[in-house]
C-alpha atoms as a PDB file:
ATOM      1  CA  UNK A   1    -106.304 -95.669 218.295  1.00  0.00           C
ATOM      2  CA  UNK A   2    -107.233 -92.315 219.954  1.00  0.00           C
ATOM      3  CA  UNK A   3    -105.539 -88.767 219.417  1.00  0.00           C
ATOM      4  CA  UNK A   4    -102.862 -87.420 221.808  1.00  0.00           C
ATOM      5  CA  UNK A   5    -102.977 -83.588 222.924  1.00  0.00           C
ATOM      6  CA  UNK A   6     -99.399 -83.352 223.580  1.00  0.00           C
ATOM      7  CA  UNK A   7     -97.547 -79.908 225.261  1.00  0.00           C
ATOM      8  CA  UNK A   8     -93.978 -79.555 225.362  1.00  0.00           C
ATOM      9  CA  UNK A   9     -91.904 -77.661 226.629  1.00  0.00           C
ATOM     10  CA  UNK A  10     -88.678 -76.240 224.252  1.00  0.00           C
ATOM     11  CA  UNK A  11     -85.768 -73.959 226.400  1.00  0.00           C
ATOM     12  CA  UNK A  12     -83.286 -71.932 224.926  1.00  0.00           C
ATOM     13  CA  UNK A  13     -79.331 -72.292 225.770  1.00  0.00           C
ATOM     14  CA  UNK A  14     -80.031 -67.890 226.549  1.00  0.00           C
ATOM     15  CA  UNK A  15     -82.010 -65.222 226.655  1.00  0.00           C
ATOM     16  CA  UNK A  16     -79.997 -64.157 223.317  1.00  0.00           C
ATOM     17  CA  UNK A  17     -81.616 -67.281 221.284  1.00  0.00           C
ATOM     18  CA  UNK A  18     -84.180 -66.170 217.944  1.00  0.00           C
ATOM     19  CA  UNK A  19     -86.939 -67.630 219.346  1.00  0.00           C
ATOM     20  CA  UNK A  20     -89.474 -67.669 216.054  1.00  0.00           C
ATOM     21  CA  UNK A  21     -86.418 -68.803 214.359  1.00  0.00           C
ATOM     22  CA  UNK A  22     -86.881 -71.971 216.982  1.00  0.00           C
ATOM     23  CA  UNK A  23     -90.611 -72.517 216.550  1.00  0.00           C
ATOM     24  CA  UNK A  24     -90.366 -72.316 212.602  1.00  0.00           C
ATOM     25  CA  UNK A  25     -87.462 -75.532 212.942  1.00  0.00           C
ATOM     26  CA  UNK A  26     -89.772 -76.888 215.423  1.00  0.00           C
ATOM     27  CA  UNK A  27     -92.972 -76.827 213.720  1.00  0.00           C
ATOM     28  CA  UNK A  28     -91.366 -79.006 210.655  1.00  0.00           C
ATOM     29  CA  UNK A  29     -90.067 -81.742 213.308  1.00  0.00           C
ATOM     30  CA  UNK A  30     -93.055 -81.561 214.478  1.00  0.00           C
ATOM     31  CA  UNK A  31     -95.377 -81.428 211.482  1.00  0.00           C
ATOM     32  CA  UNK A  32     -92.743 -84.025 209.413  1.00  0.00           C
ATOM     33  CA  UNK A  33     -93.791 -86.187 211.937  1.00  0.00           C
ATOM     34  CA  UNK A  34     -97.494 -85.917 211.627  1.00  0.00           C
ATOM     35  CA  UNK A  35     -98.433 -84.511 214.100  1.00  0.00           C
ATOM     36  CA  UNK A  36    -101.452 -82.050 213.449  1.00  0.00           C
ATOM     37  CA  UNK A  37    -102.326 -78.369 215.211  1.00  0.00           C
ATOM     38  CA  UNK A  38     -98.965 -76.828 216.349  1.00  0.00           C
ATOM     39  CA  UNK A  39     -99.289 -74.227 218.397  1.00  0.00           C
ATOM     40  CA  UNK A  40     -97.056 -72.013 220.230  1.00  0.00           C
ATOM     41  CA  UNK A  41     -96.456 -70.101 222.903  1.00  0.00           C
ATOM     42  CA  UNK A  42     -93.285 -67.811 224.941  1.00  0.00           C
ATOM     43  CA  UNK A  43     -93.222 -68.954 228.616  1.00  0.00           C
ATOM     44  CA  UNK A  44     -91.023 -66.156 231.068  1.00  0.00           C
ATOM     45  CA  UNK A  45     -89.010 -68.009 232.391  1.00  0.00           C
ATOM     46  CA  UNK A  46     -86.674 -65.607 234.194  1.00  0.00           C
ATOM     47  CA  UNK A  47     -83.898 -62.556 233.643  1.00  0.00           C
ATOM     48  CA  UNK A  48     -85.352 -62.431 230.348  1.00  0.00           C
ATOM     49  CA  UNK A  49     -85.409 -66.330 229.414  1.00  0.00           C
ATOM     50  CA  UNK A  50     -88.293 -67.116 227.788  1.00  0.00           C
ATOM     51  CA  UNK A  51     -89.093 -71.441 227.490  1.00  0.00           C
ATOM     52  CA  UNK A  52     -91.600 -71.940 224.422  1.00  0.00           C
ATOM     53  CA  UNK A  53     -93.905 -73.939 224.360  1.00  0.00           C
ATOM     54  CA  UNK A  54     -95.272 -76.253 221.870  1.00  0.00           C
ATOM     55  CA  UNK A  55     -99.402 -77.879 221.311  1.00  0.00           C
ATOM     56  CA  UNK A  56     -99.377 -80.331 218.518  1.00  0.00           C
ATOM     57  CA  UNK A  57    -101.991 -83.041 218.016  1.00  0.00           C
ATOM     58  CA  UNK A  58    -100.411 -86.175 217.504  1.00  0.00           C
ATOM     59  CA  UNK A  59    -102.172 -90.388 216.170  1.00  0.00           C
ATOM     60  CA  UNK A  60    -101.214 -93.395 219.288  1.00  0.00           C
ATOM     61  CA  UNK A  61    -100.394 -94.736 216.614  1.00  0.00           C
ATOM     62  CA  UNK A  62     -96.697 -92.667 216.173  1.00  0.00           C
ATOM     63  CA  UNK A  63     -94.287 -92.493 218.866  1.00  0.00           C
ATOM     64  CA  UNK A  64     -93.483 -88.967 221.010  1.00  0.00           C
ATOM     65  CA  UNK A  65     -89.581 -89.825 220.791  1.00  0.00           C
ATOM     66  CA  UNK A  66     -88.492 -88.892 217.484  1.00  0.00           C
ATOM     67  CA  UNK A  67     -90.112 -85.677 217.980  1.00  0.00           C
ATOM     68  CA  UNK A  68     -88.290 -84.985 221.238  1.00  0.00           C
ATOM     69  CA  UNK A  69     -84.808 -86.484 219.408  1.00  0.00           C
ATOM     70  CA  UNK A  70     -85.325 -84.457 216.679  1.00  0.00           C
ATOM     71  CA  UNK A  71     -85.974 -81.187 218.879  1.00  0.00           C
ATOM     72  CA  UNK A  72     -83.762 -81.077 220.657  1.00  0.00           C
ATOM     73  CA  UNK A  73     -81.193 -80.961 218.228  1.00  0.00           C
ATOM     74  CA  UNK A  74     -82.263 -77.403 217.218  1.00  0.00           C
ATOM     75  CA  UNK A  75     -79.527 -75.217 217.576  1.00  0.00           C
ATOM     76  CA  UNK A  76     -80.126 -73.273 220.713  1.00  0.00           C
ATOM     77  CA  UNK A  77     -81.480 -75.421 222.531  1.00  0.00           C
ATOM     78  CA  UNK A  78     -80.403 -76.487 226.052  1.00  0.00           C
ATOM     79  CA  UNK A  79     -83.717 -79.114 226.687  1.00  0.00           C
ATOM     80  CA  UNK A  80     -87.206 -80.514 225.464  1.00  0.00           C
ATOM     81  CA  UNK A  81     -89.236 -81.680 227.960  1.00  0.00           C
ATOM     82  CA  UNK A  82     -92.946 -83.110 227.446  1.00  0.00           C
ATOM     83  CA  UNK A  83     -95.085 -81.380 230.413  1.00  0.00           C
ATOM     84  CA  UNK A  84     -98.517 -82.514 229.497  1.00  0.00           C
ATOM     85  CA  UNK A  85    -100.113 -85.693 227.386  1.00  0.00           C
ATOM     86  CA  UNK A  86    -103.741 -86.729 227.374  1.00  0.00           C
ATOM     87  CA  UNK A  87    -105.948 -88.747 225.220  1.00  0.00           C
ATOM     88  CA  UNK A  88    -108.369 -86.358 223.502  1.00  0.00           C
ATOM     89  CA  UNK A  89    -112.341 -87.556 223.852  1.00  0.00           C
ATOM     90  CA  UNK A  90    -114.768 -86.931 221.253  1.00  0.00           C
END
């Protein structure tokens, strides 16, 4: 099988949520589930609210759903959405 390049949008529940704490917990969850090359970006939404975009590689033999469900359990997270998933070539 191949490698999937995944992008998730993690929405905090409020502008006051600690994005660094969310990123640290998300990185831990993502890497515990065998993903690699994890990185994050912040995306301004509105009224001071910023989403966290998580980018990582995941072997296609591993499922994405456990990562999504674990991320949803992080305190101050309102939603987790897959916004891009593609197969890596080369």
